[in-house]
Amino acid sequence: MGMEANLVGETAPMRSAREGKYLTFELGGEEYGLEILKVKEIISIMNITAVPNTPDYVRGVINLRGKVIPVIDLRQRFNMESKDYNERTSIIVVDIREDDGKNLIMGVVVDSVSEVLNIKDEEIEETPTFGTRLNTEFILGMAKVKDEIKILLDIDKVLSSTELSAIGSVAK
């Protein structure tokens, strides 16, 4: 029995790294969440200036209080059917940590922002290896909250380091 307790104790710190506050949002009828510490602000959809020769999911750039910020459409990034923007469409401005340690401020277009949830360790399960439309390396885990499943994203891994470098250069 002492050995079991020791094994449980060793795995707990790894799992508790996922516990915390998450901003939840809707995308294609599913609920997602991202760590609130990554969120700089949430803004209504605004005029996005298209930038030529960028991937489809890069919508362009916005001028946010004098700063040029690249914007990606998460629906398109995840190969979902595109949808016209409406009054609920929002841009979540996130702070992404690149592989080289630099930070990139970027806007992420989502269908709508839901709420901030405090998600506990025991509510988070490992990502299944099937049954999801996403590449699972982007996913921190699956949270079961009030009989609903929220897909928790690791926003730093939604784009590869090559894609992040290319997008970062769009705003410079």
C-alpha atoms as a PDB file:
ATOM      1  CA  MET A   1       0.000   0.000   0.000  1.00  0.00           C
ATOM      2  CA  GLY A   2       2.860   2.380   0.776  1.00  0.00           C
ATOM      3  CA  MET A   3       4.203   1.772  -2.729  1.00  0.00           C
ATOM      4  CA  GLU A   4       0.868   2.732  -4.331  1.00  0.00           C
ATOM      5  CA  ALA A   5       0.727   5.970  -2.357  1.00  0.00           C
ATOM      6  CA  ASN A   6       4.252   6.783  -3.529  1.00  0.00           C
ATOM      7  CA  LEU A   7       3.323   6.163  -7.176  1.00  0.00           C
ATOM      8  CA  VAL A   8       0.255   8.382  -6.868  1.00  0.00           C
ATOM      9  CA  GLY A   9       2.362  11.088  -5.233  1.00  0.00           C
ATOM     10  CA  GLU A  10       4.833  11.022  -8.120  1.00  0.00           C
ATOM     11  CA  THR A  11       2.207  11.516 -10.828  1.00  0.00           C
ATOM     12  CA  ALA A  12       0.163  14.203  -9.050  1.00  0.00           C
ATOM     13  CA  PRO A  13       2.481  17.174  -9.749  1.00  0.00           C
ATOM     14  CA  MET A  14       2.468  16.455 -13.481  1.00  0.00           C
ATOM     15  CA  ARG A  15      -1.337  16.453 -13.626  1.00  0.00           C
ATOM     16  CA  SER A  16      -1.862  19.467 -11.373  1.00  0.00           C
ATOM     17  CA  ALA A  17       0.004  21.626 -13.907  1.00  0.00           C
ATOM     18  CA  ARG A  18      -3.220  21.541 -15.951  1.00  0.00           C
ATOM     19  CA  GLU A  19      -5.472  22.590 -13.073  1.00  0.00           C
ATOM     20  CA  GLY A  20      -6.543  26.226 -13.039  1.00  0.00           C
ATOM     21  CA  LYS A  21      -8.658  28.885 -14.693  1.00  0.00           C
ATOM     22  CA  TYR A  22      -9.597  28.499 -18.354  1.00  0.00           C
ATOM     23  CA  LEU A  23     -11.358  30.838 -20.724  1.00  0.00           C
ATOM     24  CA  THR A  24     -13.941  28.717 -22.536  1.00  0.00           C
ATOM     25  CA  PHE A  25     -15.196  29.464 -26.022  1.00  0.00           C
ATOM     26  CA  GLU A  26     -17.271  27.871 -28.761  1.00  0.00           C
ATOM     27  CA  LEU A  27     -15.958  26.717 -32.083  1.00  0.00           C
ATOM     28  CA  GLY A  28     -18.059  24.695 -34.491  1.00  0.00           C
ATOM     29  CA  GLY A  29     -20.585  23.701 -31.833  1.00  0.00           C
ATOM     30  CA  GLU A  30     -17.909  22.371 -29.437  1.00  0.00           C
ATOM     31  CA  GLU A  31     -16.623  23.956 -26.249  1.00  0.00           C
ATOM     32  CA  TYR A  32     -12.904  24.626 -25.929  1.00  0.00           C
ATOM     33  CA  GLY A  33     -10.797  26.149 -23.215  1.00  0.00           C
ATOM     34  CA  LEU A  34      -7.427  27.819 -22.969  1.00  0.00           C
ATOM     35  CA  GLU A  35      -5.402  28.816 -19.952  1.00  0.00           C
ATOM     36  CA  ILE A  36      -6.514  32.228 -18.719  1.00  0.00           C
ATOM     37  CA  LEU A  37      -2.877  33.198 -18.094  1.00  0.00           C
ATOM     38  CA  LYS A  38      -2.329  33.105 -21.871  1.00  0.00           C
ATOM     39  CA  VAL A  39      -5.207  35.541 -22.523  1.00  0.00           C
ATOM     40  CA  LYS A  40      -4.329  39.241 -22.818  1.00  0.00           C
ATOM     41  CA  GLU A  41      -7.829  40.417 -23.697  1.00  0.00           C
ATOM     42  CA  ILE A  42     -11.023  39.610 -25.574  1.00  0.00           C
ATOM     43  CA  ILE A  43     -12.279  41.968 -28.265  1.00  0.00           C
ATOM     44  CA  SER A  44     -15.238  42.054 -30.638  1.00  0.00           C
ATOM     45  CA  ILE A  45     -14.556  41.182 -34.233  1.00  0.00           C
ATOM     46  CA  MET A  46     -13.055  44.207 -35.951  1.00  0.00           C
ATOM     47  CA  ASN A  47     -11.641  45.141 -39.332  1.00  0.00           C
ATOM     48  CA  ILE A  48      -8.886  42.670 -40.245  1.00  0.00           C
ATOM     49  CA  THR A  49      -6.423  43.734 -42.932  1.00  0.00           C
ATOM     50  CA  ALA A  50      -5.618  40.798 -45.211  1.00  0.00           C
ATOM     51  CA  VAL A  51      -1.951  40.041 -45.847  1.00  0.00           C
ATOM     52  CA  PRO A  52      -1.043  38.417 -49.194  1.00  0.00           C
ATOM     53  CA  ASN A  53       0.777  35.083 -49.431  1.00  0.00           C
ATOM     54  CA  THR A  54      -0.263  33.802 -46.018  1.00  0.00           C
ATOM     55  CA  PRO A  55      -1.976  30.476 -45.235  1.00  0.00           C
ATOM     56  CA  ASP A  56      -5.801  30.408 -45.374  1.00  0.00           C
ATOM     57  CA  TYR A  57      -6.120  30.352 -41.590  1.00  0.00           C
ATOM     58  CA  VAL A  58      -4.153  33.620 -41.244  1.00  0.00           C
ATOM     59  CA  ARG A  59      -6.894  36.247 -41.532  1.00  0.00           C
ATOM     60  CA  GLY A  60      -4.422  39.137 -41.548  1.00  0.00           C
ATOM     61  CA  VAL A  61      -3.546  41.815 -39.013  1.00  0.00           C
ATOM     62  CA  ILE A  62      -5.433  44.193 -36.735  1.00  0.00           C
ATOM     63  CA  ASN A  63      -4.390  47.525 -35.281  1.00  0.00           C
ATOM     64  CA  LEU A  64      -4.904  47.206 -31.539  1.00  0.00           C
ATOM     65  CA  ARG A  65      -4.125  50.532 -29.860  1.00  0.00           C
ATOM     66  CA  GLY A  66      -1.257  51.198 -32.262  1.00  0.00           C
ATOM     67  CA  LYS A  67       0.172  47.665 -32.255  1.00  0.00           C
ATOM     68  CA  VAL A  68      -0.051  45.485 -35.337  1.00  0.00           C
ATOM     69  CA  ILE A  69      -1.189  42.016 -34.264  1.00  0.00           C
ATOM     70  CA  PRO A  70      -1.517  38.950 -36.537  1.00  0.00           C
ATOM     71  CA  VAL A  71      -4.884  37.175 -36.422  1.00  0.00           C
ATOM     72  CA  ILE A  72      -5.657  33.531 -37.179  1.00  0.00           C
ATOM     73  CA  ASP A  73      -9.058  31.910 -37.623  1.00  0.00           C
ATOM     74  CA  LEU A  74      -9.175  28.859 -35.365  1.00  0.00           C
ATOM     75  CA  ARG A  75     -11.975  27.240 -37.412  1.00  0.00           C
ATOM     76  CA  GLN A  76      -9.786  27.291 -40.509  1.00  0.00           C
ATOM     77  CA  ARG A  77      -6.680  26.246 -38.555  1.00  0.00           C
ATOM     78  CA  PHE A  78      -8.561  23.139 -37.420  1.00  0.00           C
ATOM     79  CA  ASN A  79      -9.961  22.468 -40.922  1.00  0.00           C
ATOM     80  CA  MET A  80     -13.541  23.157 -39.873  1.00  0.00           C
ATOM     81  CA  GLU A  81     -16.179  24.547 -42.195  1.00  0.00           C
ATOM     82  CA  SER A  82     -15.829  28.328 -42.357  1.00  0.00           C
ATOM     83  CA  LYS A  83     -18.630  30.492 -41.025  1.00  0.00           C
ATOM     84  CA  ASP A  84     -19.552  34.148 -41.530  1.00  0.00           C
ATOM     85  CA  TYR A  85     -18.595  36.356 -38.624  1.00  0.00           C
ATOM     86  CA  ASN A  86     -21.440  37.791 -36.551  1.00  0.00           C
ATOM     87  CA  GLU A  87     -21.965  39.870 -33.400  1.00  0.00           C
ATOM     88  CA  ARG A  88     -20.877  36.922 -31.194  1.00  0.00           C
ATOM     89  CA  THR A  89     -17.629  36.322 -33.102  1.00  0.00           C
ATOM     90  CA  SER A  90     -14.702  37.352 -30.912  1.00  0.00           C
ATOM     91  CA  ILE A  91     -10.955  37.717 -31.110  1.00  0.00           C
ATOM     92  CA  ILE A  92      -9.067  36.344 -28.128  1.00  0.00           C
ATOM     93  CA  VAL A  93      -5.712  38.112 -27.910  1.00  0.00           C
ATOM     94  CA  VAL A  94      -3.200  35.569 -26.600  1.00  0.00           C
ATOM     95  CA  ASP A  95       0.427  35.606 -25.554  1.00  0.00           C
ATOM     96  CA  ILE A  96       2.144  32.635 -27.205  1.00  0.00           C
ATOM     97  CA  ARG A  97       5.566  31.389 -26.160  1.00  0.00           C
ATOM     98  CA  GLU A  98       7.614  30.316 -29.179  1.00  0.00           C
ATOM     99  CA  ASP A  99      10.157  27.491 -29.083  1.00  0.00           C
ATOM    100  CA  ASP A 100      13.011  30.001 -28.966  1.00  0.00           C
ATOM    101  CA  GLY A 101      11.554  31.537 -25.795  1.00  0.00           C
ATOM    102  CA  LYS A 102      10.251  34.680 -27.494  1.00  0.00           C
ATOM    103  CA  ASN A 103       6.658  35.759 -27.016  1.00  0.00           C
ATOM    104  CA  LEU A 104       4.222  36.501 -29.832  1.00  0.00           C
ATOM    105  CA  ILE A 105       0.995  38.420 -29.266  1.00  0.00           C
ATOM    106  CA  MET A 106      -1.631  37.046 -31.633  1.00  0.00           C
ATOM    107  CA  GLY A 107      -5.391  37.249 -32.138  1.00  0.00           C
ATOM    108  CA  VAL A 108      -7.434  34.069 -32.403  1.00  0.00           C
ATOM    109  CA  VAL A 109     -10.915  34.269 -33.976  1.00  0.00           C
ATOM    110  CA  VAL A 110     -13.542  32.085 -32.247  1.00  0.00           C
ATOM    111  CA  ASP A 111     -17.309  31.714 -32.735  1.00  0.00           C
ATOM    112  CA  SER A 112     -18.097  33.061 -29.255  1.00  0.00           C
ATOM    113  CA  VAL A 113     -16.559  33.389 -25.812  1.00  0.00           C
ATOM    114  CA  SER A 114     -18.405  31.521 -23.055  1.00  0.00           C
ATOM    115  CA  GLU A 115     -17.012  31.960 -19.531  1.00  0.00           C
ATOM    116  CA  VAL A 116     -14.028  31.555 -17.247  1.00  0.00           C
ATOM    117  CA  LEU A 117     -14.043  28.206 -15.459  1.00  0.00           C
ATOM    118  CA  ASN A 118     -11.914  26.981 -12.597  1.00  0.00           C
ATOM    119  CA  ILE A 119     -11.123  23.425 -13.691  1.00  0.00           C
ATOM    120  CA  LYS A 120      -9.851  20.998 -11.088  1.00  0.00           C
ATOM    121  CA  ASP A 121      -7.348  18.219 -11.620  1.00  0.00           C
ATOM    122  CA  GLU A 122      -9.916  15.459 -11.162  1.00  0.00           C
ATOM    123  CA  GLU A 123     -12.101  16.970 -13.901  1.00  0.00           C
ATOM    124  CA  ILE A 124      -9.337  16.633 -16.516  1.00  0.00           C
ATOM    125  CA  GLU A 125      -8.799  13.392 -18.420  1.00  0.00           C
ATOM    126  CA  GLU A 126      -6.075  12.471 -20.862  1.00  0.00           C
ATOM    127  CA  THR A 127      -6.778  13.104 -24.518  1.00  0.00           C
ATOM    128  CA  PRO A 128      -8.183  10.029 -26.255  1.00  0.00           C
ATOM    129  CA  THR A 129      -6.233   8.904 -29.300  1.00  0.00           C
ATOM    130  CA  PHE A 130      -9.396   8.781 -31.426  1.00  0.00           C
ATOM    131  CA  GLY A 131     -12.745  10.524 -31.873  1.00  0.00           C
ATOM    132  CA  THR A 132     -11.521  14.109 -32.133  1.00  0.00           C
ATOM    133  CA  ARG A 133     -11.090  16.362 -35.135  1.00  0.00           C
ATOM    134  CA  LEU A 134      -7.869  17.846 -33.812  1.00  0.00           C
ATOM    135  CA  ASN A 135      -4.284  16.704 -33.848  1.00  0.00           C
ATOM    136  CA  THR A 136      -3.980  15.661 -30.213  1.00  0.00           C
ATOM    137  CA  GLU A 137      -0.634  17.379 -29.559  1.00  0.00           C
ATOM    138  CA  PHE A 138      -2.590  20.679 -29.365  1.00  0.00           C
ATOM    139  CA  ILE A 139      -4.749  19.309 -26.563  1.00  0.00           C
ATOM    140  CA  LEU A 140      -3.863  19.499 -22.866  1.00  0.00           C
ATOM    141  CA  GLY A 141      -6.747  17.241 -21.927  1.00  0.00           C
ATOM    142  CA  MET A 142     -10.506  16.822 -21.809  1.00  0.00           C
ATOM    143  CA  ALA A 143     -12.322  18.548 -18.972  1.00  0.00           C
ATOM    144  CA  LYS A 144     -15.627  17.168 -17.717  1.00  0.00           C
ATOM    145  CA  VAL A 145     -17.555  20.111 -16.299  1.00  0.00           C
ATOM    146  CA  LYS A 146     -21.293  19.949 -15.477  1.00  0.00           C
ATOM    147  CA  ASP A 147     -21.786  16.878 -17.716  1.00  0.00           C
ATOM    148  CA  GLU A 148     -20.159  18.639 -20.666  1.00  0.00           C
ATOM    149  CA  ILE A 149     -16.764  18.055 -22.200  1.00  0.00           C
ATOM    150  CA  LYS A 150     -14.458  20.998 -22.817  1.00  0.00           C
ATOM    151  CA  ILE A 151     -11.424  20.439 -25.046  1.00  0.00           C
ATOM    152  CA  LEU A 152      -8.499  22.158 -23.342  1.00  0.00           C
ATOM    153  CA  LEU A 153      -6.046  23.581 -25.873  1.00  0.00           C
ATOM    154  CA  ASP A 154      -2.357  24.185 -25.414  1.00  0.00           C
ATOM    155  CA  ILE A 155      -2.375  27.464 -27.348  1.00  0.00           C
ATOM    156  CA  ASP A 156       1.429  27.426 -27.624  1.00  0.00           C
ATOM    157  CA  LYS A 157       1.171  24.225 -29.725  1.00  0.00           C
ATOM    158  CA  VAL A 158      -1.788  25.111 -31.954  1.00  0.00           C
ATOM    159  CA  LEU A 159       0.759  26.358 -34.489  1.00  0.00           C
ATOM    160  CA  SER A 160       4.148  24.818 -35.217  1.00  0.00           C
ATOM    161  CA  SER A 161       7.300  26.843 -34.565  1.00  0.00           C
ATOM    162  CA  THR A 162       7.724  27.338 -38.344  1.00  0.00           C
ATOM    163  CA  GLU A 163       4.168  28.658 -38.646  1.00  0.00           C
ATOM    164  CA  LEU A 164       4.652  30.924 -35.621  1.00  0.00           C
ATOM    165  CA  SER A 165       7.830  32.410 -37.113  1.00  0.00           C
ATOM    166  CA  ALA A 166       6.043  33.071 -40.407  1.00  0.00           C
ATOM    167  CA  ILE A 167       3.046  34.639 -38.646  1.00  0.00           C
ATOM    168  CA  GLY A 168       5.292  36.715 -36.396  1.00  0.00           C
ATOM    169  CA  SER A 169       6.980  38.178 -39.449  1.00  0.00           C
ATOM    170  CA  VAL A 170       3.572  39.221 -40.868  1.00  0.00           C
ATOM    171  CA  ALA A 171       3.169  41.764 -38.066  1.00  0.00           C
ATOM    172  CA  LYS A 172       6.658  43.231 -38.339  1.00  0.00           C
END
